[in-house]
Amino acid sequence: MLAYGVIQLGSAVVSAVALVAIALVAVALSFCSLKKESKFFNECVEEMKATGSPTADAVRFCTGG
């Protein structure tokens, strides 16, 4: 009976650690993607402003509007 409890507790701990690891990887990947998207957006706005467009028009263009 003691062995069953230890095995059950051990499997619960392994499952919890695995879920935390998956969550951390997902957060890291989404942050990396968000950072890359932000960089491209800023470059787009700067390029549009360099052509003489007002900031509002550059932002509207770069967001697809």
PDB file of N, CA and C in Angstrom:
ATOM      1  N   MET A   1       0.824  -1.193   0.000  1.00  0.00           N
ATOM      2  CA  MET A   1       0.000   0.000   0.000  1.00  0.00           C
ATOM      3  C   MET A   1       0.871   1.262   0.000  1.00  0.00           C
ATOM      4  N   LEU A   2       1.944   1.220   0.764  1.00  0.00           N
ATOM      5  CA  LEU A   2       2.850   2.354   0.824  1.00  0.00           C
ATOM      6  C   LEU A   2       3.512   2.592  -0.537  1.00  0.00           C
ATOM      7  N   ALA A   3       3.886   1.493  -1.203  1.00  0.00           N
ATOM      8  CA  ALA A   3       4.520   1.621  -2.514  1.00  0.00           C
ATOM      9  C   ALA A   3       3.552   2.251  -3.518  1.00  0.00           C
ATOM     10  N   TYR A   4       2.292   1.885  -3.459  1.00  0.00           N
ATOM     11  CA  TYR A   4       1.284   2.459  -4.370  1.00  0.00           C
ATOM     12  C   TYR A   4       1.174   3.966  -4.147  1.00  0.00           C
ATOM     13  N   GLY A   5       1.144   4.393  -2.918  1.00  0.00           N
ATOM     14  CA  GLY A   5       1.049   5.824  -2.607  1.00  0.00           C
ATOM     15  C   GLY A   5       2.267   6.589  -3.083  1.00  0.00           C
ATOM     16  N   VAL A   6       3.436   6.011  -2.888  1.00  0.00           N
ATOM     17  CA  VAL A   6       4.671   6.663  -3.326  1.00  0.00           C
ATOM     18  C   VAL A   6       4.704   6.775  -4.847  1.00  0.00           C
ATOM     19  N   ILE A   7       4.306   5.720  -5.522  1.00  0.00           N
ATOM     20  CA  ILE A   7       4.285   5.741  -6.992  1.00  0.00           C
ATOM     21  C   ILE A   7       3.286   6.774  -7.497  1.00  0.00           C
ATOM     22  N   GLN A   8       2.109   6.836  -6.879  1.00  0.00           N
ATOM     23  CA  GLN A   8       1.090   7.794  -7.293  1.00  0.00           C
ATOM     24  C   GLN A   8       1.567   9.226  -7.056  1.00  0.00           C
ATOM     25  N   LEU A   9       2.181   9.484  -5.912  1.00  0.00           N
ATOM     26  CA  LEU A   9       2.704  10.807  -5.618  1.00  0.00           C
ATOM     27  C   LEU A   9       3.830  11.168  -6.584  1.00  0.00           C
ATOM     28  N   GLY A  10       4.698  10.222  -6.872  1.00  0.00           N
ATOM     29  CA  GLY A  10       5.796  10.462  -7.808  1.00  0.00           C
ATOM     30  C   GLY A  10       5.301  10.790  -9.200  1.00  0.00           C
ATOM     31  N   SER A  11       4.281  10.088  -9.647  1.00  0.00           N
ATOM     32  CA  SER A  11       3.749  10.365 -10.987  1.00  0.00           C
ATOM     33  C   SER A  11       3.063  11.727 -11.028  1.00  0.00           C
ATOM     34  N   ALA A  12       2.424  12.133  -9.939  1.00  0.00           N
ATOM     35  CA  ALA A  12       1.801  13.459  -9.889  1.00  0.00           C
ATOM     36  C   ALA A  12       2.865  14.552  -9.955  1.00  0.00           C
ATOM     37  N   VAL A  13       3.981  14.344  -9.270  1.00  0.00           N
ATOM     38  CA  VAL A  13       5.068  15.329  -9.304  1.00  0.00           C
ATOM     39  C   VAL A  13       5.666  15.418 -10.703  1.00  0.00           C
ATOM     40  N   VAL A  14       5.878  14.289 -11.343  1.00  0.00           N
ATOM     41  CA  VAL A  14       6.423  14.280 -12.708  1.00  0.00           C
ATOM     42  C   VAL A  14       5.472  14.995 -13.661  1.00  0.00           C
ATOM     43  N   SER A  15       4.173  14.759 -13.516  1.00  0.00           N
ATOM     44  CA  SER A  15       3.193  15.425 -14.373  1.00  0.00           C
ATOM     45  C   SER A  15       3.210  16.933 -14.149  1.00  0.00           C
ATOM     46  N   ALA A  16       3.297  17.354 -12.907  1.00  0.00           N
ATOM     47  CA  ALA A  16       3.325  18.782 -12.604  1.00  0.00           C
ATOM     48  C   ALA A  16       4.574  19.442 -13.185  1.00  0.00           C
ATOM     49  N   VAL A  17       5.706  18.800 -13.052  1.00  0.00           N
ATOM     50  CA  VAL A  17       6.953  19.347 -13.594  1.00  0.00           C
ATOM     51  C   VAL A  17       6.870  19.434 -15.113  1.00  0.00           C
ATOM     52  N   ALA A  18       6.297  18.424 -15.752  1.00  0.00           N
ATOM     53  CA  ALA A  18       6.162  18.433 -17.204  1.00  0.00           C
ATOM     54  C   ALA A  18       5.246  19.569 -17.662  1.00  0.00           C
ATOM     55  N   LEU A  19       4.154  19.794 -16.961  1.00  0.00           N
ATOM     56  CA  LEU A  19       3.239  20.881 -17.320  1.00  0.00           C
ATOM     57  C   LEU A  19       3.912  22.242 -17.158  1.00  0.00           C
ATOM     58  N   VAL A  20       4.679  22.410 -16.103  1.00  0.00           N
ATOM     59  CA  VAL A  20       5.393  23.676 -15.904  1.00  0.00           C
ATOM     60  C   VAL A  20       6.417  23.885 -17.015  1.00  0.00           C
ATOM     61  N   ALA A  21       7.123  22.836 -17.396  1.00  0.00           N
ATOM     62  CA  ALA A  21       8.110  22.948 -18.470  1.00  0.00           C
ATOM     63  C   ALA A  21       7.443  23.327 -19.789  1.00  0.00           C
ATOM     64  N   ILE A  22       6.321  22.716 -20.090  1.00  0.00           N
ATOM     65  CA  ILE A  22       5.593  23.029 -21.326  1.00  0.00           C
ATOM     66  C   ILE A  22       5.136  24.480 -21.305  1.00  0.00           C
ATOM     67  N   ALA A  23       4.620  24.938 -20.175  1.00  0.00           N
ATOM     68  CA  ALA A  23       4.145  26.319 -20.062  1.00  0.00           C
ATOM     69  C   ALA A  23       5.299  27.304 -20.244  1.00  0.00           C
ATOM     70  N   LEU A  24       6.445  27.015 -19.660  1.00  0.00           N
ATOM     71  CA  LEU A  24       7.594  27.909 -19.792  1.00  0.00           C
ATOM     72  C   LEU A  24       8.089  27.993 -21.227  1.00  0.00           C
ATOM     73  N   VAL A  25       8.100  26.873 -21.911  1.00  0.00           N
ATOM     74  CA  VAL A  25       8.515  26.874 -23.315  1.00  0.00           C
ATOM     75  C   VAL A  25       7.520  27.668 -24.159  1.00  0.00           C
ATOM     76  N   ALA A  26       6.243  27.498 -23.899  1.00  0.00           N
ATOM     77  CA  ALA A  26       5.220  28.224 -24.656  1.00  0.00           C
ATOM     78  C   ALA A  26       5.353  29.728 -24.435  1.00  0.00           C
ATOM     79  N   VAL A  27       5.581  30.138 -23.203  1.00  0.00           N
ATOM     80  CA  VAL A  27       5.739  31.566 -22.903  1.00  0.00           C
ATOM     81  C   VAL A  27       6.988  32.113 -23.583  1.00  0.00           C
ATOM     82  N   ALA A  28       8.073  31.365 -23.536  1.00  0.00           N
ATOM     83  CA  ALA A  28       9.314  31.812 -24.160  1.00  0.00           C
ATOM     84  C   ALA A  28       9.140  31.962 -25.676  1.00  0.00           C
ATOM     85  N   LEU A  29       8.467  31.023 -26.292  1.00  0.00           N
ATOM     86  CA  LEU A  29       8.271  31.095 -27.743  1.00  0.00           C
ATOM     87  C   LEU A  29       7.358  32.254 -28.121  1.00  0.00           C
ATOM     88  N   SER A  30       6.297  32.473 -27.360  1.00  0.00           N
ATOM     89  CA  SER A  30       5.395  33.574 -27.691  1.00  0.00           C
ATOM     90  C   SER A  30       6.069  34.913 -27.469  1.00  0.00           C
ATOM     91  N   PHE A  31       6.929  35.025 -26.440  1.00  0.00           N
ATOM     92  CA  PHE A  31       7.648  36.274 -26.207  1.00  0.00           C
ATOM     93  C   PHE A  31       8.616  36.548 -27.344  1.00  0.00           C
ATOM     94  N   CYS A  32       9.294  35.522 -27.806  1.00  0.00           N
ATOM     95  CA  CYS A  32      10.240  35.674 -28.913  1.00  0.00           C
ATOM     96  C   CYS A  32       9.505  36.115 -30.176  1.00  0.00           C
ATOM     97  N   SER A  33       8.368  35.519 -30.435  1.00  0.00           N
ATOM     98  CA  SER A  33       7.567  35.871 -31.598  1.00  0.00           C
ATOM     99  C   SER A  33       7.057  37.308 -31.499  1.00  0.00           C
ATOM    100  N   LEU A  34       6.617  37.705 -30.316  1.00  0.00           N
ATOM    101  CA  LEU A  34       6.126  39.067 -30.107  1.00  0.00           C
ATOM    102  C   LEU A  34       7.246  40.082 -30.296  1.00  0.00           C
ATOM    103  N   LYS A  35       8.431  39.746 -29.814  1.00  0.00           N
ATOM    104  CA  LYS A  35       9.580  40.642 -29.965  1.00  0.00           C
ATOM    105  C   LYS A  35       9.921  40.820 -31.444  1.00  0.00           C
ATOM    106  N   LYS A  36       9.898  39.729 -32.203  1.00  0.00           N
ATOM    107  CA  LYS A  36      10.213  39.798 -33.627  1.00  0.00           C
ATOM    108  C   LYS A  36       9.154  40.616 -34.375  1.00  0.00           C
ATOM    109  N   GLU A  37       7.886  40.410 -34.033  1.00  0.00           N
ATOM    110  CA  GLU A  37       6.812  41.156 -34.690  1.00  0.00           C
ATOM    111  C   GLU A  37       6.927  42.644 -34.380  1.00  0.00           C
ATOM    112  N   SER A  38       7.269  42.971 -33.148  1.00  0.00           N
ATOM    113  CA  SER A  38       7.439  44.368 -32.752  1.00  0.00           C
ATOM    114  C   SER A  38       8.582  45.012 -33.533  1.00  0.00           C
ATOM    115  N   LYS A  39       9.665  44.277 -33.717  1.00  0.00           N
ATOM    116  CA  LYS A  39      10.817  44.801 -34.468  1.00  0.00           C
ATOM    117  C   LYS A  39      10.421  45.106 -35.909  1.00  0.00           C
ATOM    118  N   PHE A  40       9.709  44.179 -36.543  1.00  0.00           N
ATOM    119  CA  PHE A  40       9.283  44.399 -37.927  1.00  0.00           C
ATOM    120  C   PHE A  40       8.321  45.582 -38.032  1.00  0.00           C
ATOM    121  N   PHE A  41       7.423  45.712 -37.049  1.00  0.00           N
ATOM    122  CA  PHE A  41       6.469  46.825 -37.057  1.00  0.00           C
ATOM    123  C   PHE A  41       7.213  48.151 -36.944  1.00  0.00           C
ATOM    124  N   ASN A  42       8.159  48.237 -36.011  1.00  0.00           N
ATOM    125  CA  ASN A  42       8.916  49.477 -35.834  1.00  0.00           C
ATOM    126  C   ASN A  42       9.706  49.830 -37.084  1.00  0.00           C
ATOM    127  N   GLU A  43      10.293  48.824 -37.731  1.00  0.00           N
ATOM    128  CA  GLU A  43      11.027  49.073 -38.968  1.00  0.00           C
ATOM    129  C   GLU A  43      10.094  49.573 -40.065  1.00  0.00           C
ATOM    130  N   CYS A  44       8.902  49.011 -40.130  1.00  0.00           N
ATOM    131  CA  CYS A  44       7.925  49.440 -41.133  1.00  0.00           C
ATOM    132  C   CYS A  44       7.534  50.896 -40.905  1.00  0.00           C
ATOM    133  N   VAL A  45       7.251  51.255 -39.657  1.00  0.00           N
ATOM    134  CA  VAL A  45       6.852  52.628 -39.351  1.00  0.00           C
ATOM    135  C   VAL A  45       7.983  53.592 -39.679  1.00  0.00           C
ATOM    136  N   GLU A  46       9.204  53.248 -39.306  1.00  0.00           N
ATOM    137  CA  GLU A  46      10.332  54.134 -39.595  1.00  0.00           C
ATOM    138  C   GLU A  46      10.527  54.304 -41.095  1.00  0.00           C
ATOM    139  N   GLU A  47      10.358  53.230 -41.844  1.00  0.00           N
ATOM    140  CA  GLU A  47      10.516  53.316 -43.297  1.00  0.00           C
ATOM    141  C   GLU A  47       9.433  54.206 -43.910  1.00  0.00           C
ATOM    142  N   MET A  48       8.212  54.060 -43.430  1.00  0.00           N
ATOM    143  CA  MET A  48       7.118  54.888 -43.950  1.00  0.00           C
ATOM    144  C   MET A  48       7.321  56.359 -43.584  1.00  0.00           C
ATOM    145  N   LYS A  49       7.796  56.614 -42.372  1.00  0.00           N
ATOM    146  CA  LYS A  49       8.045  58.000 -41.967  1.00  0.00           C
ATOM    147  C   LYS A  49       9.172  58.617 -42.790  1.00  0.00           C
ATOM    148  N   ALA A  50      10.139  57.795 -43.191  1.00  0.00           N
ATOM    149  CA  ALA A  50      11.256  58.294 -43.997  1.00  0.00           C
ATOM    150  C   ALA A  50      10.790  58.737 -45.381  1.00  0.00           C
ATOM    151  N   THR A  51       9.680  58.183 -45.853  1.00  0.00           N
ATOM    152  CA  THR A  51       9.155  58.584 -47.160  1.00  0.00           C
ATOM    153  C   THR A  51       8.309  59.842 -47.071  1.00  0.00           C
ATOM    154  N   GLY A  52       8.137  60.373 -45.846  1.00  0.00           N
ATOM    155  CA  GLY A  52       7.399  61.621 -45.690  1.00  0.00           C
ATOM    156  C   GLY A  52       5.984  61.452 -45.179  1.00  0.00           C
ATOM    157  N   SER A  53       5.568  60.239 -44.891  1.00  0.00           N
ATOM    158  CA  SER A  53       4.221  60.020 -44.366  1.00  0.00           C
ATOM    159  C   SER A  53       4.154  60.457 -42.906  1.00  0.00           C
ATOM    160  N   PRO A  54       3.026  61.025 -42.498  1.00  0.00           N
ATOM    161  CA  PRO A  54       2.857  61.334 -41.073  1.00  0.00           C
ATOM    162  C   PRO A  54       2.847  60.040 -40.250  1.00  0.00           C
ATOM    163  N   THR A  55       3.148  60.167 -38.963  1.00  0.00           N
ATOM    164  CA  THR A  55       3.238  58.988 -38.102  1.00  0.00           C
ATOM    165  C   THR A  55       1.934  58.196 -38.090  1.00  0.00           C
ATOM    166  N   ALA A  56       0.809  58.883 -38.008  1.00  0.00           N
ATOM    167  CA  ALA A  56      -0.484  58.195 -37.956  1.00  0.00           C
ATOM    168  C   ALA A  56      -0.716  57.376 -39.228  1.00  0.00           C
ATOM    169  N   ASP A  57      -0.382  57.939 -40.366  1.00  0.00           N
ATOM    170  CA  ASP A  57      -0.551  57.212 -41.630  1.00  0.00           C
ATOM    171  C   ASP A  57       0.405  56.024 -41.715  1.00  0.00           C
ATOM    172  N   ALA A  58       1.622  56.202 -41.205  1.00  0.00           N
ATOM    173  CA  ALA A  58       2.596  55.109 -41.218  1.00  0.00           C
ATOM    174  C   ALA A  58       2.115  53.955 -40.346  1.00  0.00           C
ATOM    175  N   VAL A  59       1.591  54.270 -39.170  1.00  0.00           N
ATOM    176  CA  VAL A  59       1.079  53.225 -38.276  1.00  0.00           C
ATOM    177  C   VAL A  59      -0.110  52.522 -38.906  1.00  0.00           C
ATOM    178  N   ARG A  60      -1.009  53.292 -39.514  1.00  0.00           N
ATOM    179  CA  ARG A  60      -2.186  52.704 -40.154  1.00  0.00           C
ATOM    180  C   ARG A  60      -1.767  51.762 -41.280  1.00  0.00           C
ATOM    181  N   PHE A  61      -0.781  52.172 -42.075  1.00  0.00           N
ATOM    182  CA  PHE A  61      -0.292  51.336 -43.168  1.00  0.00           C
ATOM    183  C   PHE A  61       0.324  50.055 -42.634  1.00  0.00           C
ATOM    184  N   CYS A  62       1.139  50.162 -41.600  1.00  0.00           N
ATOM    185  CA  CYS A  62       1.869  49.010 -41.094  1.00  0.00           C
ATOM    186  C   CYS A  62       0.980  48.019 -40.340  1.00  0.00           C
ATOM    187  N   THR A  63      -0.179  48.477 -39.877  1.00  0.00           N
ATOM    188  CA  THR A  63      -1.114  47.559 -39.222  1.00  0.00           C
ATOM    189  C   THR A  63      -2.097  46.964 -40.230  1.00  0.00           C
ATOM    190  N   GLY A  64      -1.969  47.354 -41.478  1.00  0.00           N
ATOM    191  CA  GLY A  64      -2.807  46.774 -42.517  1.00  0.00           C
ATOM    192  C   GLY A  64      -4.083  47.552 -42.767  1.00  0.00           C
ATOM    193  N   GLY A  65      -4.179  48.744 -42.234  1.00  0.00           N
ATOM    194  CA  GLY A  65      -5.414  49.543 -42.353  1.00  0.00           C
ATOM    195  C   GLY A  65      -5.432  50.478 -43.477  1.00  0.00           C
TER     196      GLY A  65
END
